[in-house]
Protein backbone atom coordinates (compact mmCIF):
# COMPACT_ATOMS: atom_id res chain seq x y z
CA MET A 1 -66.63 86.77 -6.80
CA LYS A 2 -67.40 89.20 -3.95
CA ALA A 3 -66.28 86.58 -1.42
CA PHE A 4 -62.88 86.18 -3.09
CA PRO A 5 -61.03 88.69 -0.86
CA LEU A 6 -62.37 86.99 2.28
CA TYR A 7 -61.23 83.60 1.02
CA CYS A 8 -57.82 85.17 0.42
CA ILE A 9 -57.73 86.36 4.02
CA LEU A 10 -58.72 82.90 5.28
CA LEU A 11 -55.99 81.37 3.10
CA LEU A 12 -53.52 83.92 4.48
CA LEU A 13 -54.45 83.00 8.05
CA LEU A 14 -54.27 79.29 7.32
CA THR A 15 -50.81 79.57 5.78
CA SER A 16 -49.34 81.96 8.36
CA CYS A 17 -46.43 80.95 10.56
CA ASP A 18 -48.78 79.68 13.23
CA GLN A 19 -51.51 77.27 12.30
CA ALA A 20 -54.84 79.10 12.18
CA THR A 21 -57.56 77.81 14.43
CA ILE A 22 -60.75 76.66 12.77
CA GLY A 23 -63.62 76.25 15.19
CA ALA A 24 -66.92 77.54 16.53
CA ASP A 25 -65.41 79.82 19.21
CA VAL A 26 -62.07 81.11 17.92
CA SER A 27 -60.09 83.89 19.59
CA GLU A 28 -56.73 84.33 17.85
CA THR A 29 -54.54 87.25 16.79
CA TYR A 30 -52.34 87.20 13.68
CA PHE A 31 -50.00 89.86 12.33
CA VAL A 32 -49.88 90.57 8.62
CA ARG A 33 -46.62 92.13 7.45
CA TYR A 34 -46.95 94.34 4.38
CA LYS A 35 -44.61 97.08 3.11
CA GLY A 36 -43.06 97.99 6.45
CA ALA A 37 -46.15 97.57 8.60
CA ASP A 38 -47.13 94.74 10.94
CA MET A 39 -50.90 94.90 11.21
CA PRO A 40 -52.89 92.69 13.59
CA VAL A 41 -55.96 90.77 12.50
CA TYR A 42 -58.09 89.54 15.39
CA ALA A 43 -59.89 86.36 14.33
CA ARG A 44 -62.97 85.71 16.44
CA GLY A 45 -66.09 83.61 16.36
CA ASN A 46 -67.23 80.74 14.19
CA THR A 47 -64.48 80.36 11.59
CA ALA A 48 -65.69 76.80 10.95
CA SER A 49 -68.77 78.30 9.26
CA GLY A 50 -66.66 79.12 6.22
CA LYS A 51 -68.22 82.60 6.22
CA LEU A 52 -65.89 85.45 7.17
CA ILE A 53 -66.65 89.11 7.75
CA LEU A 54 -63.76 91.57 7.62
CA VAL A 55 -64.35 94.64 9.82
CA ILE A 56 -62.50 97.69 8.58
CA HIS A 57 -62.61 100.49 11.14
CA GLY A 58 -62.79 104.09 10.06
CA GLY A 59 -59.58 105.99 9.97
CA PRO A 60 -57.17 107.30 10.45
CA GLY A 61 -57.82 106.77 14.11
CA GLY A 62 -59.38 103.92 16.03
CA ASP A 63 -58.73 100.22 15.76
CA GLY A 64 -60.43 96.96 14.89
CA TYR A 65 -60.14 95.50 18.38
CA VAL A 66 -62.71 97.93 19.77
CA TYR A 67 -65.31 96.51 17.39
CA SER A 68 -64.69 93.01 18.73
CA GLN A 69 -65.83 94.20 22.16
CA LEU A 70 -69.22 95.58 21.09
CA TYR A 71 -72.63 93.92 21.54
CA PHE A 72 -73.23 93.19 17.85
CA SER A 73 -69.96 91.27 17.68
CA ASP A 74 -71.20 88.63 20.12
CA GLN A 75 -74.24 88.06 17.95
CA LEU A 76 -72.32 87.90 14.67
CA GLU A 77 -69.53 85.70 16.05
CA LYS A 78 -72.04 82.90 16.74
CA GLU A 79 -72.74 82.54 13.02
CA TYR A 80 -69.65 83.91 11.28
CA GLY A 81 -65.91 84.14 11.54
CA MET A 82 -65.13 87.79 12.27
CA LEU A 83 -61.83 89.38 11.30
CA TYR A 84 -61.06 92.71 12.97
CA TRP A 85 -58.10 94.45 11.33
CA ASP A 86 -55.96 97.27 12.75
CA GLN A 87 -54.85 99.39 9.82
CA ARG A 88 -51.35 100.82 9.38
CA GLY A 89 -50.55 103.34 12.11
CA GLN A 90 -53.71 102.50 14.08
CA GLY A 91 -54.39 100.43 17.19
CA ALA A 92 -51.72 97.79 17.80
CA SER A 93 -50.12 98.02 14.35
CA GLN A 94 -46.35 98.45 14.28
CA GLY A 95 -43.61 99.06 11.76
CA GLN A 96 -41.07 101.33 10.15
CA TYR A 97 -43.01 104.04 8.34
CA GLY A 98 -43.71 107.73 8.74
CA GLY A 99 -46.93 109.59 9.33
CA SER A 100 -46.92 110.73 5.72
CA GLN A 101 -47.47 107.08 4.74
CA VAL A 102 -50.73 106.84 6.69
CA THR A 103 -53.03 107.93 3.88
CA ILE A 104 -56.30 106.72 2.42
CA GLU A 105 -54.39 105.50 -0.65
CA GLN A 106 -51.97 103.51 1.54
CA MET A 107 -54.84 102.04 3.54
CA ARG A 108 -56.46 100.89 0.29
CA GLU A 109 -53.17 99.32 -0.80
CA ASP A 110 -52.77 97.66 2.61
CA LEU A 111 -56.22 96.11 2.22
CA ARG A 112 -55.15 94.67 -1.13
CA GLY A 113 -51.95 93.43 0.53
CA LEU A 114 -53.99 91.85 3.31
CA CYS A 115 -55.96 89.88 0.73
CA TRP A 116 -53.38 89.19 -1.95
CA GLY A 117 -50.02 89.55 -0.21
């Protein structure tokens, strides 16, 4: 049951407007729209493995893309599909919302929205 959210994310990517790429060396970016925010998810690595790891950067501040450029990412991407997510108001995310909406509670809700729409 712990893998359920990751399967939801894979399903979300597969049913997005663009066809998701499944392969051993994927490098794609998708935007997830949820409650006024467009949040990028950078899909990298071996998505054909059927094993996905969602990287959630600390925040507020920072972004998921930075983690895709680190040494450990190269090692993990050989075996797993890695999903690096920019949270609301962070990194390359966009949308119509105010700074008061960038809270821990909203980030938690956005994560649920990322998995369950």
